[in-house]
Amino acid sequence: MASSADMNKQLLLIIKHILHGSTDQIKDLEKVDYAALLEGALEHGVANTIADFVCAQKKAPDSVKQQFRKQWAVIFKQQTLCDLALRELYGELDKHKKRGLFLKGVLLKAFYPQVYHRSMSDIDVFMEEQNMEAVQAIMGQGGYENGKFGQDNHYEYMRQEMVKVEYHPELVALESDYGRRIFTGIHPEAVSIADHMEIWHHTIPLDGHEYARQLEPEYHYLYVIMHMMNHFLTAGTGIRSLMDVWVMNRHYAGSWDRGRIEALLADYGLLNFEKYALALAHKWFDLEDLPYLPKEIQGAVLTNYEDYILESGTYGNKERSLVKQMKNQASGMSKLKYMAGRFFLPYGQMKEEYPIVEKCPILLPLLWPYRVFDMFRKRGKSTRQILKLVLNADQKRVDRQQALMDAMME
C-alpha cells in the first residue's frame, strides 16, 4: 500500500498534467495504489477531475474505475442541471429587475480545461436582504423547495435533489473568522464588507444579462482569496482551493493588473496569505516560475502550509473546527461536554425538532435518549464520524495549525 505522501504526490502530478493537457507526459505511475488514489481524490473533491485519466489506465482495477465513473457521472449530471437552473435564474433576475452577484464555482469552472473538472456543490448568489421577498417568489415559481436560513447566514433552496441555490445577504459576514480577526481590525468603521468594497461598482454583466452580475477579474480574485482565507481560519482548505488560485492566474495572465490586485489584497489584510497560496499553487501545478513571487516565501512556512492543505480535504480540517466548537461550548476542551451538547439539546431546540415537547414538556427526558438512537438510525455514518473526531481530537496539533496561520498572516 502506498504511503499518504506517495499518494498525494501522484494525485498532484496527475492534476498538474490534466490542467496543462499533457497527461501523455506522466511518468512513474507503475506503483500507483489506485484505491488510495480514489480515497484521496474523494477527500479533496477532485475525483471528477482525474476520472478520465484513471479510467484510461490499463492497470487500474475495474472496481476503482467504476467508482471514478460514478463520481464523474454525478458531477456531470449536477453540472447539467445547474446550467439549466442558471439560465432560468439569469432571465428571472432580469425580468424582476433584481440584481444578483454570482460567485465561486459557477464562474470558476469555466477556467478549467473541462467544466466538469471543477465540481461545485451549489450555486452561490449575493443579494441584498431587501430582495429576499422577491427571491422567495422567483424560487417558488421555479419549483424550488421553500428557502431555509442556513447555518452560515444564507437562504437555501433545493430542486431535483441536485440543484441547491444559496442566496447570501452578506458577501462575507463581519461575524465570520475573517471578518472578526482581520477585516474589522483594518476597517473598524465598516458596516459590511460588501458595502466597504462598493461591490456593485465593480461588477459586469454575466452572459449578457443586465441584472445577473459577476465581479471584475481583480475583485473576483480578491473575493476568492477572501473566501479561502475565511475557510483557512475556520477549518482549513484543500487542494481544490489551490487549483482555483492557479487557474485564475493562468486565465487572466497578461490581462489583469497585478499591482491593483496586490493593493486590494493589502487593503483587506490578505496579501501575505495570497503570496503563500500562489507559491504553493505554483509549486504544485505550474511548469514555469512566476517572476513576482519573492524568494522569502519559499521555506518552512510554505512546507507547513503544504502539509496542512493536504490534511484538510475539500472543505477543511474538521478537527480544527471541532476543537474550536468544543472550546467555545465549555471552559477548555471538554470532549464529554461537547458530545453531551450534541446529543442532549436544550428545550428550545428540542421543541423545534420534536414539536410534541412544547405541548408536553414532561416528555423531554424520554426524547433525549430517543434522539441519540434517532441520530445513529438516520445519520449513522456521520454521527460515528463526529464521535471518532471528538475522541481523537488533539489540542496540540490544532495549536501547531494556529502557529502556521499566524505566520502566514504576518
Protein backbone atom coordinates (compact mmCIF):
# COMPACT_ATOMS: atom_id res chain seq x y z
CA MET A 1 0.00 0.00 0.00
CA ALA A 2 1.34 3.43 -0.96
CA SER A 3 2.05 5.94 1.81
CA SER A 4 -0.09 9.05 2.16
CA ALA A 5 2.84 11.15 0.93
CA ASP A 6 3.25 8.99 -2.19
CA MET A 7 -0.48 9.13 -2.90
CA ASN A 8 -0.53 12.93 -2.58
CA LYS A 9 2.49 13.22 -4.87
CA GLN A 10 0.79 11.07 -7.52
CA LEU A 11 -2.53 12.90 -7.18
CA LEU A 12 -0.89 16.32 -7.59
CA LEU A 13 1.18 15.10 -10.56
CA ILE A 14 -1.93 13.86 -12.35
CA ILE A 15 -3.86 17.07 -11.66
CA LYS A 16 -0.97 19.22 -12.87
CA HIS A 17 -0.79 17.46 -16.22
CA ILE A 18 -4.58 17.49 -16.59
CA LEU A 19 -4.55 21.26 -16.10
CA HIS A 20 -1.83 21.53 -18.77
CA GLY A 21 -3.41 18.99 -21.13
CA SER A 22 -0.24 16.92 -21.02
CA THR A 23 -1.24 13.64 -19.36
CA ASP A 24 0.74 11.75 -22.01
CA GLN A 25 3.89 13.03 -20.27
CA ILE A 26 3.05 11.48 -16.90
CA LYS A 27 5.73 9.03 -15.77
CA ASP A 28 6.45 6.95 -12.66
CA LEU A 29 2.92 5.64 -12.08
CA GLU A 30 3.91 1.98 -12.11
CA LYS A 31 3.33 1.59 -8.37
CA VAL A 32 0.10 3.53 -8.03
CA ASP A 33 -2.27 2.33 -5.33
CA TYR A 34 -5.47 3.19 -7.20
CA ALA A 35 -7.70 2.52 -4.20
CA ALA A 36 -5.69 5.03 -2.13
CA LEU A 37 -5.74 7.46 -5.06
CA LEU A 38 -9.54 7.22 -5.16
CA GLU A 39 -9.77 7.86 -1.43
CA GLY A 40 -7.53 10.93 -1.67
CA ALA A 41 -9.35 12.28 -4.71
CA LEU A 42 -12.71 11.91 -2.96
CA GLU A 43 -11.39 13.60 0.18
CA HIS A 44 -10.23 16.63 -1.81
CA GLY A 45 -13.22 16.77 -4.13
CA VAL A 46 -11.20 16.09 -7.30
CA ALA A 47 -12.31 12.57 -8.27
CA ASN A 48 -14.22 14.09 -11.20
CA THR A 49 -11.03 15.94 -12.24
CA ILE A 50 -8.90 12.82 -12.65
CA ALA A 51 -11.65 10.33 -13.57
CA ASP A 52 -10.94 10.33 -17.34
CA PHE A 53 -7.24 9.74 -16.75
CA VAL A 54 -7.69 6.90 -14.25
CA CYS A 55 -10.30 5.14 -16.37
CA ALA A 56 -7.84 5.13 -19.29
CA GLN A 57 -5.18 3.31 -17.25
CA LYS A 58 -4.97 -0.39 -18.08
CA LYS A 59 -3.61 -1.29 -14.63
CA ALA A 60 -6.38 0.48 -12.71
CA PRO A 61 -8.77 -2.11 -11.17
CA ASP A 62 -12.26 -2.22 -12.68
CA SER A 63 -13.80 -1.66 -9.24
CA VAL A 64 -11.88 1.60 -8.85
CA LYS A 65 -12.72 2.70 -12.39
CA GLN A 66 -16.38 2.10 -11.62
CA GLN A 67 -16.18 4.42 -8.59
CA PHE A 68 -14.48 7.13 -10.63
CA ARG A 69 -17.09 6.82 -13.40
CA LYS A 70 -19.82 7.10 -10.77
CA GLN A 71 -18.31 10.31 -9.38
CA TRP A 72 -17.88 11.74 -12.86
CA ALA A 73 -21.49 10.91 -13.76
CA VAL A 74 -22.83 12.56 -10.60
CA ILE A 75 -20.85 15.75 -11.25
CA PHE A 76 -21.79 15.81 -14.95
CA LYS A 77 -25.48 15.41 -14.15
CA GLN A 78 -25.30 18.08 -11.44
CA GLN A 79 -23.46 20.48 -13.78
CA THR A 80 -26.08 19.96 -16.48
CA LEU A 81 -28.98 20.61 -14.10
CA CYS A 82 -27.21 23.62 -12.59
CA ASP A 83 -26.54 25.10 -16.03
CA LEU A 84 -30.25 24.87 -16.83
CA ALA A 85 -31.09 26.43 -13.47
CA LEU A 86 -28.62 29.25 -14.06
CA ARG A 87 -30.14 30.22 -17.39
CA GLU A 88 -33.54 30.36 -15.72
CA LEU A 89 -32.23 32.46 -12.84
CA TYR A 90 -30.48 34.94 -15.12
CA GLY A 91 -33.73 35.51 -17.00
CA GLU A 92 -35.82 35.81 -13.84
CA LEU A 93 -33.48 38.39 -12.32
CA ASP A 94 -33.73 40.48 -15.48
CA LYS A 95 -37.50 40.05 -15.52
CA HIS A 96 -37.91 41.20 -11.91
CA LYS A 97 -35.09 43.77 -12.18
CA LYS A 98 -33.32 42.39 -9.11
CA ARG A 99 -29.56 42.25 -9.34
CA GLY A 100 -27.72 39.15 -8.17
CA LEU A 101 -23.97 38.64 -7.97
CA PHE A 102 -22.92 35.09 -8.91
CA LEU A 103 -19.86 33.71 -7.12
CA LYS A 104 -17.41 30.82 -6.76
CA GLY A 105 -17.82 27.56 -8.69
CA VAL A 106 -20.40 28.89 -11.16
CA LEU A 107 -17.67 31.10 -12.63
CA LEU A 108 -14.50 29.22 -11.72
CA LYS A 109 -15.40 26.06 -13.64
CA ALA A 110 -15.05 27.98 -16.91
CA PHE A 111 -11.31 28.41 -16.25
CA TYR A 112 -10.66 24.65 -16.23
CA PRO A 113 -9.84 22.57 -19.37
CA GLN A 114 -13.28 20.93 -19.00
CA VAL A 115 -16.09 22.39 -16.89
CA TYR A 116 -16.61 19.03 -15.16
CA HIS A 117 -13.04 19.20 -13.86
CA ARG A 118 -14.29 21.67 -11.23
CA SER A 119 -17.15 20.34 -9.12
CA MET A 120 -19.49 22.69 -7.29
CA SER A 121 -21.89 21.80 -4.52
CA ASP A 122 -24.26 24.72 -5.05
CA ILE A 123 -24.99 27.97 -6.87
CA ASP A 124 -23.89 30.94 -4.76
CA VAL A 125 -25.54 34.34 -5.25
CA PHE A 126 -25.01 37.55 -3.31
CA MET A 127 -28.17 39.68 -2.98
CA GLU A 128 -29.23 42.39 -0.56
CA GLU A 129 -31.52 41.39 2.28
CA GLN A 130 -34.34 43.63 0.99
CA ASN A 131 -34.60 41.49 -2.16
CA MET A 132 -35.23 38.21 -0.34
CA GLU A 133 -39.01 38.52 -0.67
CA ALA A 134 -38.62 38.72 -4.45
CA VAL A 135 -36.23 35.77 -4.29
CA GLN A 136 -38.88 33.73 -2.48
CA ALA A 137 -41.35 34.38 -5.31
CA ILE A 138 -38.80 33.62 -8.04
CA MET A 139 -37.72 30.35 -6.46
CA GLY A 140 -41.27 29.26 -5.69
CA GLN A 141 -42.28 29.72 -9.31
CA GLY A 142 -39.17 27.78 -10.36
CA GLY A 143 -40.21 24.70 -8.40
CA TYR A 144 -37.72 25.04 -5.56
CA GLU A 145 -38.45 23.99 -2.01
CA ASN A 146 -39.07 26.87 0.37
CA GLY A 147 -35.90 28.60 1.39
CA LYS A 148 -34.48 27.95 4.81
CA PHE A 149 -31.98 30.11 6.63
CA GLY A 150 -28.74 28.12 6.63
CA GLN A 151 -26.24 27.94 9.46
CA ASP A 152 -23.84 30.26 7.61
CA ASN A 153 -26.39 33.08 7.30
CA HIS A 154 -27.73 32.33 3.84
CA TYR A 155 -31.02 31.20 2.30
CA GLU A 156 -31.02 27.70 0.78
CA TYR A 157 -33.33 26.47 -1.99
CA MET A 158 -33.38 22.92 -3.38
CA ARG A 159 -34.71 21.41 -6.60
CA GLN A 160 -34.36 17.91 -8.08
CA GLU A 161 -32.13 16.94 -5.11
CA MET A 162 -29.02 18.05 -7.04
CA VAL A 163 -29.60 21.77 -7.55
CA LYS A 164 -29.02 23.89 -4.47
CA VAL A 165 -29.08 27.67 -4.69
CA GLU A 166 -27.71 29.72 -1.81
CA TYR A 167 -28.57 33.40 -1.53
CA HIS A 168 -26.11 35.30 0.65
CA PRO A 169 -27.23 38.66 2.08
CA GLU A 170 -23.59 39.27 3.03
CA LEU A 171 -20.52 38.73 0.86
CA VAL A 172 -18.50 37.58 3.87
CA ALA A 173 -20.06 38.18 7.28
CA LEU A 174 -18.41 40.56 9.75
CA GLU A 175 -19.06 37.83 12.34
CA SER A 176 -17.02 35.31 10.35
CA ASP A 177 -13.48 34.40 11.36
CA TYR A 178 -12.07 36.58 8.59
CA GLY A 179 -14.40 39.46 9.46
CA ARG A 180 -13.63 39.40 13.17
CA ARG A 181 -9.93 38.58 13.10
CA ILE A 182 -8.75 40.59 10.10
CA PHE A 183 -11.22 42.91 8.36
CA THR A 184 -12.67 44.75 11.36
CA GLY A 185 -9.16 45.39 12.68
CA ILE A 186 -8.28 47.19 9.45
CA HIS A 187 -11.65 48.86 8.80
CA PRO A 188 -13.44 49.18 12.16
CA GLU A 189 -15.88 51.75 10.78
CA ALA A 190 -17.30 49.42 8.07
CA VAL A 191 -20.87 48.14 8.46
CA SER A 192 -20.37 45.33 5.94
CA ILE A 193 -17.60 44.01 3.72
CA ALA A 194 -19.69 44.35 0.56
CA ASP A 195 -20.53 48.00 1.32
CA HIS A 196 -16.91 48.79 2.06
CA MET A 197 -15.88 47.25 -1.26
CA GLU A 198 -18.65 49.21 -3.04
CA ILE A 199 -19.21 45.86 -4.62
CA TRP A 200 -21.80 46.77 -7.25
CA HIS A 201 -19.40 49.35 -8.75
CA HIS A 202 -17.03 46.50 -9.57
CA THR A 203 -19.38 44.14 -11.38
CA ILE A 204 -20.02 43.43 -15.06
CA PRO A 205 -22.95 41.73 -16.85
CA LEU A 206 -22.94 37.92 -16.81
CA ASP A 207 -23.63 36.27 -20.18
CA GLY A 208 -25.20 39.50 -21.43
CA HIS A 209 -27.74 39.79 -18.60
CA GLU A 210 -28.11 43.22 -17.01
CA TYR A 211 -29.17 42.02 -13.55
CA ALA A 212 -27.13 38.79 -13.35
CA ARG A 213 -23.69 40.10 -12.47
CA GLN A 214 -20.14 38.89 -11.95
CA LEU A 215 -17.17 40.64 -10.38
CA GLU A 216 -14.43 42.32 -12.37
CA PRO A 217 -11.39 39.98 -12.59
CA GLU A 218 -9.34 41.70 -9.87
CA TYR A 219 -12.29 41.85 -7.46
CA HIS A 220 -13.28 38.28 -8.34
CA TYR A 221 -9.79 37.16 -7.33
CA LEU A 222 -9.97 39.27 -4.16
CA TYR A 223 -13.21 37.53 -3.21
CA VAL A 224 -11.79 34.04 -3.95
CA ILE A 225 -8.80 34.73 -1.68
CA MET A 226 -11.04 36.27 1.00
CA HIS A 227 -13.36 33.24 0.94
CA MET A 228 -10.35 30.92 1.02
CA MET A 229 -8.87 32.80 3.97
CA ASN A 230 -12.15 32.51 5.87
CA HIS A 231 -12.15 28.72 5.39
CA PHE A 232 -8.46 28.61 6.29
CA LEU A 233 -9.12 30.35 9.59
CA THR A 234 -12.13 28.18 10.36
CA ALA A 235 -11.08 24.68 9.35
CA GLY A 236 -8.58 24.82 6.51
CA THR A 237 -8.91 24.31 2.76
CA GLY A 238 -7.96 21.52 0.39
CA ILE A 239 -6.27 21.01 -2.97
CA ARG A 240 -9.21 22.40 -4.94
CA SER A 241 -8.77 25.89 -3.49
CA LEU A 242 -5.19 25.98 -4.77
CA MET A 243 -6.40 24.75 -8.16
CA ASP A 244 -8.78 27.72 -8.28
CA VAL A 245 -5.93 30.12 -7.49
CA TRP A 246 -3.78 28.60 -10.20
CA VAL A 247 -6.40 28.52 -12.98
CA MET A 248 -7.41 32.14 -12.29
CA ASN A 249 -3.80 33.29 -12.55
CA ARG A 250 -3.32 31.39 -15.78
CA HIS A 251 -6.63 32.57 -17.26
CA TYR A 252 -6.03 36.25 -16.53
CA ALA A 253 -2.25 36.31 -17.01
CA GLY A 254 -1.33 39.41 -19.01
CA SER A 255 -4.83 40.85 -18.94
CA TRP A 256 -5.26 41.92 -15.34
CA ASP A 257 -3.37 44.43 -13.24
CA ARG A 258 -1.19 42.62 -10.69
CA GLY A 259 -0.39 45.92 -8.99
CA ARG A 260 -4.08 46.61 -8.49
CA ILE A 261 -4.56 43.08 -7.12
CA GLU A 262 -1.77 43.49 -4.58
CA ALA A 263 -3.17 46.87 -3.47
CA LEU A 264 -6.62 45.33 -2.95
CA LEU A 265 -5.22 42.31 -1.12
CA ALA A 266 -3.16 44.57 1.15
CA ASP A 267 -6.20 46.75 1.90
CA TYR A 268 -8.09 43.66 3.11
CA GLY A 269 -5.22 42.07 5.03
CA LEU A 270 -4.79 39.23 2.54
CA LEU A 271 -1.54 39.99 0.68
CA ASN A 272 0.83 37.75 2.64
CA PHE A 273 -1.66 34.88 2.72
CA GLU A 274 -2.21 35.12 -1.05
CA LYS A 275 1.52 35.02 -1.76
CA TYR A 276 1.84 31.74 0.13
CA ALA A 277 -1.25 30.33 -1.62
CA LEU A 278 0.10 31.37 -5.03
CA ALA A 279 3.56 30.00 -4.23
CA LEU A 280 2.08 26.62 -3.32
CA ALA A 281 -0.16 26.60 -6.41
CA HIS A 282 2.96 27.35 -8.46
CA LYS A 283 4.89 24.53 -6.79
CA TRP A 284 2.13 22.01 -7.43
CA PHE A 285 0.73 22.92 -10.83
CA ASP A 286 2.91 25.29 -12.85
CA LEU A 287 5.66 24.28 -15.26
CA GLU A 288 7.44 27.66 -15.20
CA ASP A 289 8.50 30.10 -12.49
CA LEU A 290 6.21 33.01 -11.69
CA PRO A 291 8.58 36.02 -11.60
CA TYR A 292 6.76 38.09 -8.99
CA LEU A 293 6.98 35.50 -6.19
CA PRO A 294 9.50 36.68 -3.56
CA LYS A 295 12.20 34.19 -2.59
CA GLU A 296 11.45 34.59 1.13
CA ILE A 297 8.04 32.94 0.62
CA GLN A 298 9.84 29.66 -0.02
CA GLY A 299 10.77 27.91 3.24
CA ALA A 300 9.44 26.22 6.37
CA VAL A 301 6.15 28.12 6.46
CA LEU A 302 5.35 27.09 2.89
CA THR A 303 6.22 23.47 3.69
CA ASN A 304 3.96 23.51 6.76
CA TYR A 305 1.20 25.11 4.70
CA GLU A 306 1.55 22.35 2.11
CA ASP A 307 1.21 19.67 4.80
CA TYR A 308 -1.83 21.43 6.26
CA ILE A 309 -3.60 21.72 2.88
CA LEU A 310 -3.02 18.04 2.13
CA GLU A 311 -4.53 17.13 5.50
CA SER A 312 -7.53 19.41 5.11
CA GLY A 313 -9.67 17.87 2.35
CA THR A 314 -12.20 19.75 0.22
CA TYR A 315 -13.90 21.80 2.92
CA GLY A 316 -11.23 21.87 5.58
CA ASN A 317 -9.79 20.16 8.59
CA LYS A 318 -12.78 19.03 10.66
CA GLU A 319 -10.59 18.55 13.72
CA ARG A 320 -9.72 22.25 13.92
CA SER A 321 -13.35 23.28 13.57
CA LEU A 322 -14.38 20.69 16.14
CA VAL A 323 -11.83 21.79 18.74
CA LYS A 324 -12.93 25.39 18.23
CA GLN A 325 -16.56 24.40 18.88
CA MET A 326 -15.59 22.43 21.99
CA LYS A 327 -13.63 25.35 23.42
CA ASN A 328 -16.48 27.75 22.70
CA GLN A 329 -19.01 25.47 24.38
CA ALA A 330 -17.04 24.80 27.56
CA SER A 331 -14.17 26.31 29.50
CA GLY A 332 -11.33 24.39 27.95
CA MET A 333 -11.62 21.46 25.58
CA SER A 334 -14.15 19.10 27.18
CA LYS A 335 -14.96 16.16 24.90
CA LEU A 336 -17.66 14.87 27.25
CA LYS A 337 -19.44 18.24 27.49
CA TYR A 338 -19.26 18.68 23.74
CA MET A 339 -20.85 15.30 22.97
CA ALA A 340 -23.49 15.85 25.66
CA GLY A 341 -24.35 19.14 23.99
CA ARG A 342 -24.61 17.47 20.57
CA PHE A 343 -26.84 14.66 21.80
CA PHE A 344 -28.91 16.33 24.52
CA LEU A 345 -30.23 19.56 23.04
CA PRO A 346 -31.81 22.24 25.26
CA TYR A 347 -35.59 22.62 25.41
CA GLY A 348 -35.71 25.39 22.78
CA GLN A 349 -34.01 23.26 20.12
CA MET A 350 -35.75 20.03 21.11
CA LYS A 351 -39.22 21.53 20.63
CA GLU A 352 -38.24 22.53 17.07
CA GLU A 353 -37.06 19.02 16.28
CA TYR A 354 -39.87 17.30 18.22
CA PRO A 355 -42.91 19.67 18.40
CA ILE A 356 -44.63 17.39 20.92
CA VAL A 357 -42.16 18.65 23.57
CA GLU A 358 -43.84 22.07 23.57
CA LYS A 359 -47.25 20.50 24.27
CA CYS A 360 -45.92 18.01 26.79
CA PRO A 361 -42.57 19.15 28.31
CA ILE A 362 -42.52 16.18 30.67
CA LEU A 363 -41.53 14.02 27.68
CA LEU A 364 -38.19 15.84 27.27
CA PRO A 365 -36.10 13.37 29.38
CA LEU A 366 -37.54 10.47 27.36
CA LEU A 367 -36.91 12.12 24.00
CA TRP A 368 -33.23 12.74 24.70
CA PRO A 369 -32.23 9.04 24.53
CA TYR A 370 -34.65 8.60 21.64
CA ARG A 371 -32.83 11.39 19.78
CA VAL A 372 -29.48 9.62 20.30
CA PHE A 373 -30.99 6.46 18.82
CA ASP A 374 -32.51 8.54 16.01
CA MET A 375 -29.15 10.11 15.14
CA PHE A 376 -27.49 6.73 14.74
CA ARG A 377 -30.51 5.36 12.83
CA LYS A 378 -30.87 8.23 10.36
CA ARG A 379 -27.32 9.62 10.21
CA GLY A 380 -25.29 6.70 11.45
CA LYS A 381 -22.20 7.26 9.31
CA SER A 382 -21.88 11.00 10.01
CA THR A 383 -22.67 10.53 13.71
CA ARG A 384 -19.95 7.88 14.04
CA GLN A 385 -17.52 10.15 12.20
CA ILE A 386 -18.22 13.01 14.61
CA LEU A 387 -17.79 10.68 17.58
CA LYS A 388 -14.46 9.44 16.21
CA LEU A 389 -13.29 13.00 15.57
CA VAL A 390 -14.16 14.04 19.12
CA LEU A 391 -12.34 11.10 20.68
CA ASN A 392 -9.22 11.66 18.55
CA ALA A 393 -9.14 15.49 18.69
CA ASP A 394 -5.67 16.77 19.58
CA GLN A 395 -5.32 20.29 21.01
CA LYS A 396 -1.53 20.36 20.44
CA ARG A 397 -1.97 19.59 16.75
CA VAL A 398 -4.53 22.38 16.46
CA ASP A 399 -2.12 24.75 18.26
CA ARG A 400 0.53 23.98 15.63
CA GLN A 401 -2.02 24.84 12.94
CA GLN A 402 -2.70 28.14 14.71
CA ALA A 403 1.02 28.97 14.69
CA LEU A 404 1.05 28.37 10.94
CA MET A 405 -1.91 30.71 10.47
CA ASP A 406 -0.20 33.42 12.50
CA ALA A 407 2.95 33.12 10.39
CA MET A 408 1.01 33.38 7.12
CA MET A 409 -0.86 36.50 8.26
CA GLU A 410 2.16 38.50 9.40
